[in-house]
C-alpha atoms as a PDB file:
ATOM      1  CA  UNK A   1     -57.092 -20.829 -11.632  1.00  0.00           C
ATOM      2  CA  UNK A   2     -59.940 -23.148 -10.699  1.00  0.00           C
ATOM      3  CA  UNK A   3     -58.117 -26.045 -12.334  1.00  0.00           C
ATOM      4  CA  UNK A   4     -54.973 -25.349 -10.261  1.00  0.00           C
ATOM      5  CA  UNK A   5     -57.011 -25.077  -7.044  1.00  0.00           C
ATOM      6  CA  UNK A   6     -58.754 -28.352  -7.834  1.00  0.00           C
ATOM      7  CA  UNK A   7     -55.432 -30.152  -8.340  1.00  0.00           C
ATOM      8  CA  UNK A   8     -54.068 -28.814  -5.070  1.00  0.00           C
ATOM      9  CA  UNK A   9     -57.180 -30.033  -3.195  1.00  0.00           C
ATOM     10  CA  UNK A  10     -56.882 -33.506  -4.762  1.00  0.00           C
ATOM     11  CA  UNK A  11     -53.217 -33.825  -3.797  1.00  0.00           C
ATOM     12  CA  UNK A  12     -53.985 -32.717  -0.231  1.00  0.00           C
ATOM     13  CA  UNK A  13     -56.764 -35.304   0.052  1.00  0.00           C
ATOM     14  CA  UNK A  14     -54.464 -38.115  -1.124  1.00  0.00           C
ATOM     15  CA  UNK A  15     -51.751 -37.099   1.340  1.00  0.00           C
ATOM     16  CA  UNK A  16     -54.242 -36.906   4.215  1.00  0.00           C
ATOM     17  CA  UNK A  17     -55.553 -40.366   3.424  1.00  0.00           C
ATOM     18  CA  UNK A  18     -52.069 -41.824   3.358  1.00  0.00           C
ATOM     19  CA  UNK A  19     -51.276 -40.168   6.668  1.00  0.00           C
ATOM     20  CA  UNK A  20     -54.385 -41.573   8.335  1.00  0.00           C
ATOM     21  CA  UNK A  21     -53.663 -45.057   6.992  1.00  0.00           C
ATOM     22  CA  UNK A  22     -50.100 -44.856   8.285  1.00  0.00           C
ATOM     23  CA  UNK A  23     -51.214 -43.815  11.738  1.00  0.00           C
ATOM     24  CA  UNK A  24     -53.437 -46.888  12.117  1.00  0.00           C
ATOM     25  CA  UNK A  25     -50.418 -49.205  11.987  1.00  0.00           C
ATOM     26  CA  UNK A  26     -52.325 -51.686   9.804  1.00  0.00           C
ATOM     27  CA  UNK A  27     -50.648 -53.587   6.956  1.00  0.00           C
ATOM     28  CA  UNK A  28     -52.105 -54.380   3.601  1.00  0.00           C
ATOM     29  CA  UNK A  29     -53.631 -57.858   3.480  1.00  0.00           C
ATOM     30  CA  UNK A  30     -51.967 -60.394   1.168  1.00  0.00           C
ATOM     31  CA  UNK A  31     -53.459 -60.395  -2.321  1.00  0.00           C
ATOM     32  CA  UNK A  32     -56.205 -62.903  -3.063  1.00  0.00           C
ATOM     33  CA  UNK A  33     -56.518 -63.753   0.634  1.00  0.00           C
ATOM     34  CA  UNK A  34     -53.144 -65.570   0.722  1.00  0.00           C
ATOM     35  CA  UNK A  35     -51.845 -66.150   4.254  1.00  0.00           C
ATOM     36  CA  UNK A  36     -48.175 -65.944   5.162  1.00  0.00           C
ATOM     37  CA  UNK A  37     -46.922 -69.519   5.737  1.00  0.00           C
ATOM     38  CA  UNK A  38     -43.482 -70.362   7.057  1.00  0.00           C
ATOM     39  CA  UNK A  39     -41.709 -72.590   4.522  1.00  0.00           C
ATOM     40  CA  UNK A  40     -40.386 -75.990   5.607  1.00  0.00           C
ATOM     41  CA  UNK A  41     -36.619 -76.377   5.226  1.00  0.00           C
ATOM     42  CA  UNK A  42     -35.481 -78.551   2.325  1.00  0.00           C
ATOM     43  CA  UNK A  43     -32.405 -80.740   2.759  1.00  0.00           C
ATOM     44  CA  UNK A  44     -30.630 -82.592  -0.042  1.00  0.00           C
ATOM     45  CA  UNK A  45     -29.718 -86.124   1.064  1.00  0.00           C
ATOM     46  CA  UNK A  46     -26.802 -87.748  -0.741  1.00  0.00           C
ATOM     47  CA  UNK A  47     -26.902 -91.543  -1.161  1.00  0.00           C
ATOM     48  CA  UNK A  48     -25.283 -94.396  -3.020  1.00  0.00           C
ATOM     49  CA  UNK A  49     -27.914 -95.315  -5.593  1.00  0.00           C
ATOM     50  CA  UNK A  50     -26.782 -98.958  -5.756  1.00  0.00           C
ATOM     51  CA  UNK A  51     -26.574 -99.968  -2.111  1.00  0.00           C
ATOM     52  CA  UNK A  52     -29.541-102.203  -1.203  1.00  0.00           C
ATOM     53  CA  UNK A  53     -31.052-102.703   1.314  1.00  0.00           C
ATOM     54  CA  UNK A  54     -30.053 -99.210   2.512  1.00  0.00           C
ATOM     55  CA  UNK A  55     -30.381 -97.018  -0.579  1.00  0.00           C
ATOM     56  CA  UNK A  56     -31.181 -97.997  -4.151  1.00  0.00           C
ATOM     57  CA  UNK A  57     -33.074 -96.875  -7.254  1.00  0.00           C
ATOM     58  CA  UNK A  58     -35.789 -99.005  -8.853  1.00  0.00           C
ATOM     59  CA  UNK A  59     -36.482 -99.387 -12.578  1.00  0.00           C
ATOM     60  CA  UNK A  60     -38.752 -96.330 -12.493  1.00  0.00           C
ATOM     61  CA  UNK A  61     -36.021 -94.150 -11.034  1.00  0.00           C
ATOM     62  CA  UNK A  62     -37.533 -94.010  -7.529  1.00  0.00           C
ATOM     63  CA  UNK A  63     -35.444 -94.248  -4.376  1.00  0.00           C
ATOM     64  CA  UNK A  64     -36.047 -97.002  -1.829  1.00  0.00           C
ATOM     65  CA  UNK A  65     -34.287 -98.605   1.113  1.00  0.00           C
ATOM     66  CA  UNK A  66     -33.985 -98.656   4.860  1.00  0.00           C
ATOM     67  CA  UNK A  67     -32.117 -95.344   5.004  1.00  0.00           C
ATOM     68  CA  UNK A  68     -34.430 -93.682   2.472  1.00  0.00           C
ATOM     69  CA  UNK A  69     -37.544 -94.632   4.431  1.00  0.00           C
ATOM     70  CA  UNK A  70     -35.819 -93.610   7.675  1.00  0.00           C
ATOM     71  CA  UNK A  71     -34.927 -90.083   6.598  1.00  0.00           C
ATOM     72  CA  UNK A  72     -38.394 -89.559   5.138  1.00  0.00           C
ATOM     73  CA  UNK A  73     -39.940 -90.584   8.463  1.00  0.00           C
ATOM     74  CA  UNK A  74     -37.589 -88.304  10.400  1.00  0.00           C
ATOM     75  CA  UNK A  75     -38.309 -85.419   8.016  1.00  0.00           C
ATOM     76  CA  UNK A  76     -42.040 -85.788   8.555  1.00  0.00           C
ATOM     77  CA  UNK A  77     -41.679 -85.896  12.341  1.00  0.00           C
ATOM     78  CA  UNK A  78     -39.193 -83.003  12.525  1.00  0.00           C
ATOM     79  CA  UNK A  79     -40.927 -80.717  10.012  1.00  0.00           C
ATOM     80  CA  UNK A  80     -38.629 -80.547   7.015  1.00  0.00           C
ATOM     81  CA  UNK A  81     -38.595 -81.842   3.435  1.00  0.00           C
ATOM     82  CA  UNK A  82     -35.932 -83.983   1.762  1.00  0.00           C
ATOM     83  CA  UNK A  83     -34.723 -84.548  -1.769  1.00  0.00           C
ATOM     84  CA  UNK A  84     -32.764 -87.756  -2.344  1.00  0.00           C
ATOM     85  CA  UNK A  85     -29.828 -87.509  -4.736  1.00  0.00           C
ATOM     86  CA  UNK A  86     -27.491 -90.281  -5.922  1.00  0.00           C
ATOM     87  CA  UNK A  87     -23.797 -89.382  -5.711  1.00  0.00           C
ATOM     88  CA  UNK A  88     -20.691 -91.386  -6.650  1.00  0.00           C
ATOM     89  CA  UNK A  89     -19.494 -92.861  -3.371  1.00  0.00           C
ATOM     90  CA  UNK A  90     -15.857 -91.806  -3.605  1.00  0.00           C
ATOM     91  CA  UNK A  91     -16.993 -88.208  -4.177  1.00  0.00           C
ATOM     92  CA  UNK A  92     -19.867 -88.038  -1.706  1.00  0.00           C
ATOM     93  CA  UNK A  93     -17.999 -86.383   1.192  1.00  0.00           C
ATOM     94  CA  UNK A  94     -16.437 -83.758  -1.117  1.00  0.00           C
ATOM     95  CA  UNK A  95     -19.956 -83.094  -2.441  1.00  0.00           C
ATOM     96  CA  UNK A  96     -21.195 -82.632   1.129  1.00  0.00           C
ATOM     97  CA  UNK A  97     -18.462 -80.186   2.076  1.00  0.00           C
ATOM     98  CA  UNK A  98     -18.915 -78.305  -1.204  1.00  0.00           C
ATOM     99  CA  UNK A  99     -22.550 -77.656  -0.275  1.00  0.00           C
ATOM    100  CA  UNK A 100     -24.006 -79.752  -3.097  1.00  0.00           C
ATOM    101  CA  UNK A 101     -25.848 -81.924  -0.561  1.00  0.00           C
ATOM    102  CA  UNK A 102     -26.739 -81.385   3.095  1.00  0.00           C
ATOM    103  CA  UNK A 103     -26.122 -84.859   4.525  1.00  0.00           C
ATOM    104  CA  UNK A 104     -25.033 -88.383   3.634  1.00  0.00           C
ATOM    105  CA  UNK A 105     -27.565 -90.957   4.825  1.00  0.00           C
ATOM    106  CA  UNK A 106     -26.531 -94.163   3.077  1.00  0.00           C
ATOM    107  CA  UNK A 107     -24.945 -96.765   5.332  1.00  0.00           C
ATOM    108  CA  UNK A 108     -21.784 -94.732   5.880  1.00  0.00           C
ATOM    109  CA  UNK A 109     -19.366 -96.191   8.407  1.00  0.00           C
ATOM    110  CA  UNK A 110     -18.104 -93.798  11.064  1.00  0.00           C
ATOM    111  CA  UNK A 111     -14.301 -93.739  10.839  1.00  0.00           C
ATOM    112  CA  UNK A 112     -11.610 -91.520  12.352  1.00  0.00           C
ATOM    113  CA  UNK A 113     -10.491 -90.464   8.873  1.00  0.00           C
ATOM    114  CA  UNK A 114     -13.993 -89.368   7.896  1.00  0.00           C
ATOM    115  CA  UNK A 115     -14.515 -87.605  11.239  1.00  0.00           C
ATOM    116  CA  UNK A 116     -11.655 -85.293  10.328  1.00  0.00           C
ATOM    117  CA  UNK A 117     -13.779 -84.008   7.425  1.00  0.00           C
ATOM    118  CA  UNK A 118     -17.396 -84.238   8.653  1.00  0.00           C
ATOM    119  CA  UNK A 119     -19.513 -84.690  11.762  1.00  0.00           C
ATOM    120  CA  UNK A 120     -21.492 -87.859  12.368  1.00  0.00           C
ATOM    121  CA  UNK A 121     -24.831 -88.510  14.011  1.00  0.00           C
ATOM    122  CA  UNK A 122     -25.340 -91.090  16.709  1.00  0.00           C
ATOM    123  CA  UNK A 123     -24.891 -94.642  15.311  1.00  0.00           C
ATOM    124  CA  UNK A 124     -28.004 -96.417  14.055  1.00  0.00           C
ATOM    125  CA  UNK A 125     -26.539 -99.725  12.803  1.00  0.00           C
ATOM    126  CA  UNK A 126     -23.572-102.009  13.510  1.00  0.00           C
ATOM    127  CA  UNK A 127     -22.277-104.314  10.748  1.00  0.00           C
ATOM    128  CA  UNK A 128     -19.269-106.441   9.739  1.00  0.00           C
ATOM    129  CA  UNK A 129     -17.400-106.997   6.483  1.00  0.00           C
ATOM    130  CA  UNK A 130     -17.829-110.227   4.502  1.00  0.00           C
ATOM    131  CA  UNK A 131     -16.193-112.068   1.615  1.00  0.00           C
ATOM    132  CA  UNK A 132     -17.956-113.819  -1.267  1.00  0.00           C
ATOM    133  CA  UNK A 133     -16.637-116.197  -3.926  1.00  0.00           C
ATOM    134  CA  UNK A 134     -17.973-118.012  -6.988  1.00  0.00           C
ATOM    135  CA  UNK A 135     -19.834-121.263  -6.336  1.00  0.00           C
ATOM    136  CA  UNK A 136     -17.229-123.108  -8.433  1.00  0.00           C
ATOM    137  CA  UNK A 137     -14.279-121.519  -6.652  1.00  0.00           C
ATOM    138  CA  UNK A 138     -11.926-123.412  -4.341  1.00  0.00           C
ATOM    139  CA  UNK A 139     -10.688-120.224  -2.681  1.00  0.00           C
ATOM    140  CA  UNK A 140     -11.105-120.354   1.093  1.00  0.00           C
ATOM    141  CA  UNK A 141     -11.252-117.660   3.762  1.00  0.00           C
ATOM    142  CA  UNK A 142      -7.773-118.790   4.860  1.00  0.00           C
ATOM    143  CA  UNK A 143      -6.503-118.140   1.322  1.00  0.00           C
ATOM    144  CA  UNK A 144      -7.930-114.633   1.420  1.00  0.00           C
ATOM    145  CA  UNK A 145      -6.525-113.850   4.857  1.00  0.00           C
ATOM    146  CA  UNK A 146      -3.110-115.097   3.691  1.00  0.00           C
ATOM    147  CA  UNK A 147      -3.206-112.716   0.738  1.00  0.00           C
ATOM    148  CA  UNK A 148      -3.501-115.485  -1.849  1.00  0.00           C
ATOM    149  CA  UNK A 149      -6.492-114.139  -3.774  1.00  0.00           C
ATOM    150  CA  UNK A 150      -7.455-111.331  -6.101  1.00  0.00           C
ATOM    151  CA  UNK A 151     -10.057-109.252  -4.263  1.00  0.00           C
ATOM    152  CA  UNK A 152     -12.572-106.823  -5.739  1.00  0.00           C
ATOM    153  CA  UNK A 153     -13.942-103.884  -3.754  1.00  0.00           C
ATOM    154  CA  UNK A 154     -15.852-100.692  -4.360  1.00  0.00           C
ATOM    155  CA  UNK A 155     -13.589 -97.671  -4.287  1.00  0.00           C
ATOM    156  CA  UNK A 156     -13.892 -95.562  -1.127  1.00  0.00           C
ATOM    157  CA  UNK A 157     -15.587 -98.242   0.995  1.00  0.00           C
ATOM    158  CA  UNK A 158     -14.453 -99.579   4.351  1.00  0.00           C
ATOM    159  CA  UNK A 159     -14.045-102.991   2.720  1.00  0.00           C
ATOM    160  CA  UNK A 160     -11.432-101.556   0.384  1.00  0.00           C
ATOM    161  CA  UNK A 161      -9.783 -99.778   3.321  1.00  0.00           C
ATOM    162  CA  UNK A 162      -9.685-103.040   5.302  1.00  0.00           C
ATOM    163  CA  UNK A 163      -7.884-104.901   2.511  1.00  0.00           C
ATOM    164  CA  UNK A 164      -5.402-102.063   2.059  1.00  0.00           C
ATOM    165  CA  UNK A 165      -4.609-101.828   5.773  1.00  0.00           C
ATOM    166  CA  UNK A 166      -4.628-105.527   6.685  1.00  0.00           C
ATOM    167  CA  UNK A 167      -3.384-107.282   3.567  1.00  0.00           C
ATOM    168  CA  UNK A 168      -1.584-104.844   1.251  1.00  0.00           C
ATOM    169  CA  UNK A 169       0.203-102.602   3.773  1.00  0.00           C
ATOM    170  CA  UNK A 170       1.257-105.634   5.850  1.00  0.00           C
ATOM    171  CA  UNK A 171       2.891-107.196   2.797  1.00  0.00           C
ATOM    172  CA  UNK A 172       0.603-110.236   2.722  1.00  0.00           C
ATOM    173  CA  UNK A 173      -0.913-109.351  -0.641  1.00  0.00           C
ATOM    174  CA  UNK A 174       0.486-107.498  -3.685  1.00  0.00           C
ATOM    175  CA  UNK A 175      -1.185-104.130  -4.246  1.00  0.00           C
ATOM    176  CA  UNK A 176      -2.214-105.150  -7.759  1.00  0.00           C
ATOM    177  CA  UNK A 177      -4.350-107.958  -6.309  1.00  0.00           C
ATOM    178  CA  UNK A 178      -6.791-105.402  -4.952  1.00  0.00           C
ATOM    179  CA  UNK A 179      -9.099-104.394  -7.788  1.00  0.00           C
ATOM    180  CA  UNK A 180     -11.111-101.213  -7.180  1.00  0.00           C
ATOM    181  CA  UNK A 181     -14.411-100.436  -8.927  1.00  0.00           C
ATOM    182  CA  UNK A 182     -16.653 -97.383  -9.157  1.00  0.00           C
ATOM    183  CA  UNK A 183     -19.669 -99.308  -7.836  1.00  0.00           C
ATOM    184  CA  UNK A 184     -20.346-102.706  -6.313  1.00  0.00           C
ATOM    185  CA  UNK A 185     -22.484-104.178  -9.125  1.00  0.00           C
ATOM    186  CA  UNK A 186     -19.316-104.041 -11.266  1.00  0.00           C
ATOM    187  CA  UNK A 187     -17.506-106.063  -8.585  1.00  0.00           C
ATOM    188  CA  UNK A 188     -20.279-108.675  -8.596  1.00  0.00           C
ATOM    189  CA  UNK A 189     -20.168-108.888 -12.399  1.00  0.00           C
ATOM    190  CA  UNK A 190     -16.438-109.586 -12.423  1.00  0.00           C
ATOM    191  CA  UNK A 191     -16.784-112.114  -9.612  1.00  0.00           C
ATOM    192  CA  UNK A 192     -19.515-113.897 -11.549  1.00  0.00           C
ATOM    193  CA  UNK A 193     -17.262-113.974 -14.620  1.00  0.00           C
ATOM    194  CA  UNK A 194     -14.337-115.249 -12.483  1.00  0.00           C
ATOM    195  CA  UNK A 195     -12.148-112.251 -13.265  1.00  0.00           C
ATOM    196  CA  UNK A 196     -11.511-111.888  -9.519  1.00  0.00           C
ATOM    197  CA  UNK A 197     -11.369-114.511  -6.751  1.00  0.00           C
ATOM    198  CA  UNK A 198     -13.406-112.764  -4.071  1.00  0.00           C
ATOM    199  CA  UNK A 199     -15.374-109.661  -3.209  1.00  0.00           C
ATOM    200  CA  UNK A 200     -15.541-107.740   0.071  1.00  0.00           C
ATOM    201  CA  UNK A 201     -18.484-105.638   1.219  1.00  0.00           C
ATOM    202  CA  UNK A 202     -20.730-104.870   4.196  1.00  0.00           C
ATOM    203  CA  UNK A 203     -22.555-108.128   4.901  1.00  0.00           C
ATOM    204  CA  UNK A 204     -26.257-107.068   4.473  1.00  0.00           C
ATOM    205  CA  UNK A 205     -25.851-105.343   1.069  1.00  0.00           C
ATOM    206  CA  UNK A 206     -23.357-108.043   0.044  1.00  0.00           C
ATOM    207  CA  UNK A 207     -26.003-110.714   0.492  1.00  0.00           C
ATOM    208  CA  UNK A 208     -28.500-108.643  -1.495  1.00  0.00           C
ATOM    209  CA  UNK A 209     -26.008-108.029  -4.298  1.00  0.00           C
ATOM    210  CA  UNK A 210     -25.229-111.735  -4.892  1.00  0.00           C
ATOM    211  CA  UNK A 211     -28.792-112.965  -4.412  1.00  0.00           C
ATOM    212  CA  UNK A 212     -29.831-115.291  -7.260  1.00  0.00           C
ATOM    213  CA  UNK A 213     -26.285-115.468  -8.659  1.00  0.00           C
ATOM    214  CA  UNK A 214     -23.779-118.371  -8.565  1.00  0.00           C
ATOM    215  CA  UNK A 215     -21.973-116.681  -5.684  1.00  0.00           C
ATOM    216  CA  UNK A 216     -21.960-117.175  -1.920  1.00  0.00           C
ATOM    217  CA  UNK A 217     -20.581-115.696   1.289  1.00  0.00           C
ATOM    218  CA  UNK A 218     -17.667-117.753   2.633  1.00  0.00           C
ATOM    219  CA  UNK A 219     -16.842-115.763   5.712  1.00  0.00           C
ATOM    220  CA  UNK A 220     -17.233-112.667   7.796  1.00  0.00           C
ATOM    221  CA  UNK A 221     -14.624-110.603   9.588  1.00  0.00           C
ATOM    222  CA  UNK A 222     -15.617-108.754  12.712  1.00  0.00           C
ATOM    223  CA  UNK A 223     -15.153-105.031  12.213  1.00  0.00           C
ATOM    224  CA  UNK A 224     -18.015-103.757  14.402  1.00  0.00           C
ATOM    225  CA  UNK A 225     -18.583-100.838  12.060  1.00  0.00           C
ATOM    226  CA  UNK A 226     -21.117 -98.224  13.119  1.00  0.00           C
ATOM    227  CA  UNK A 227     -23.271 -96.469  10.549  1.00  0.00           C
ATOM    228  CA  UNK A 228     -24.048 -92.790  11.019  1.00  0.00           C
ATOM    229  CA  UNK A 229     -25.393 -89.793   9.094  1.00  0.00           C
ATOM    230  CA  UNK A 230     -22.622 -87.481   7.861  1.00  0.00           C
ATOM    231  CA  UNK A 231     -23.193 -83.725   8.143  1.00  0.00           C
ATOM    232  CA  UNK A 232     -20.966 -80.681   7.587  1.00  0.00           C
ATOM    233  CA  UNK A 233     -19.084 -79.726  10.747  1.00  0.00           C
ATOM    234  CA  UNK A 234     -20.587 -76.238  10.838  1.00  0.00           C
ATOM    235  CA  UNK A 235     -24.198 -77.496  10.579  1.00  0.00           C
ATOM    236  CA  UNK A 236     -24.582 -78.137  14.296  1.00  0.00           C
ATOM    237  CA  UNK A 237     -28.309 -77.368  14.373  1.00  0.00           C
ATOM    238  CA  UNK A 238     -29.001 -79.912  11.619  1.00  0.00           C
ATOM    239  CA  UNK A 239     -26.863 -82.480  13.429  1.00  0.00           C
ATOM    240  CA  UNK A 240     -28.936 -82.006  16.597  1.00  0.00           C
ATOM    241  CA  UNK A 241     -32.143 -82.363  14.579  1.00  0.00           C
ATOM    242  CA  UNK A 242     -30.980 -85.615  12.962  1.00  0.00           C
ATOM    243  CA  UNK A 243     -29.786 -87.032  16.290  1.00  0.00           C
ATOM    244  CA  UNK A 244     -33.158 -86.286  17.850  1.00  0.00           C
ATOM    245  CA  UNK A 245     -34.920 -87.795  14.840  1.00  0.00           C
ATOM    246  CA  UNK A 246     -32.824 -90.971  14.969  1.00  0.00           C
ATOM    247  CA  UNK A 247     -33.540 -91.361  18.673  1.00  0.00           C
ATOM    248  CA  UNK A 248     -37.270 -90.991  18.012  1.00  0.00           C
ATOM    249  CA  UNK A 249     -37.138 -93.458  15.108  1.00  0.00           C
ATOM    250  CA  UNK A 250     -35.224 -96.187  16.928  1.00  0.00           C
ATOM    251  CA  UNK A 251     -37.683 -95.986  19.826  1.00  0.00           C
ATOM    252  CA  UNK A 252     -40.721 -96.169  17.555  1.00  0.00           C
ATOM    253  CA  UNK A 253     -42.396 -99.417  16.364  1.00  0.00           C
ATOM    254  CA  UNK A 254     -41.814 -98.222  12.795  1.00  0.00           C
ATOM    255  CA  UNK A 255     -38.070 -98.954  13.202  1.00  0.00           C
ATOM    256  CA  UNK A 256     -38.784-102.623  13.905  1.00  0.00           C
ATOM    257  CA  UNK A 257     -41.112-102.698  10.900  1.00  0.00           C
ATOM    258  CA  UNK A 258     -38.322-101.348   8.681  1.00  0.00           C
ATOM    259  CA  UNK A 259     -35.833-103.920   9.962  1.00  0.00           C
ATOM    260  CA  UNK A 260     -38.298-106.710   9.144  1.00  0.00           C
ATOM    261  CA  UNK A 261     -39.186-105.216   5.752  1.00  0.00           C
ATOM    262  CA  UNK A 262     -35.546-104.988   4.676  1.00  0.00           C
ATOM    263  CA  UNK A 263     -34.545-108.283   6.341  1.00  0.00           C
ATOM    264  CA  UNK A 264     -32.140-106.610   8.733  1.00  0.00           C
ATOM    265  CA  UNK A 265     -33.285-108.388  11.894  1.00  0.00           C
END
């Protein structure tokens, strides 16, 4: 009997204590004194890993380039983290829309065709296309424009699109004279080995790609292409964040430092 009474008293005491604690409205403190900290968003940034001076990977596997440094600066100023990830260029927009990455920040030209699939930030760079040939070649820019050359281009680039629209589709050049490659270093290799007559690419990375090789730029065609950051259409908040970050960057002295560092001025 005494044992039963004792148990009843113990249970009542526990219930009373719980009731009093509940009435105070206080919450248990985090274990080990840990404070609740709001986590910074993490965005996966898709890039072309072989696109200097915008985005490239060094021998140690680290990412560098104008666009890499830019997004890291913006991330720091806007309060989020980034993870850079190399993606095959012709599959980078599908990867974005599939949710594998959150943005493409890698010298992507804003085009009407791409705008049907993704949203673009404000432009941050304007460039033109250029042609390069071997130092021993007699091919001229006039030959290229007349369709009398075999041209190499990276698949999915605006250079490849330009050749298709202005030379192949107009009947100036046979379709088989446009050779498409998975990346631009392969184009440069074939040009150096004289397997193709010319290469086409955005001028700044083109110059970087042929540097130190028996190749040279023979001409530039004005395309006035604008680079922008590609983002999924539904990610309007992220788009606004990137636009604000780009505006801040291009009005900061650091932007001029980057242009000098990557020889873009």
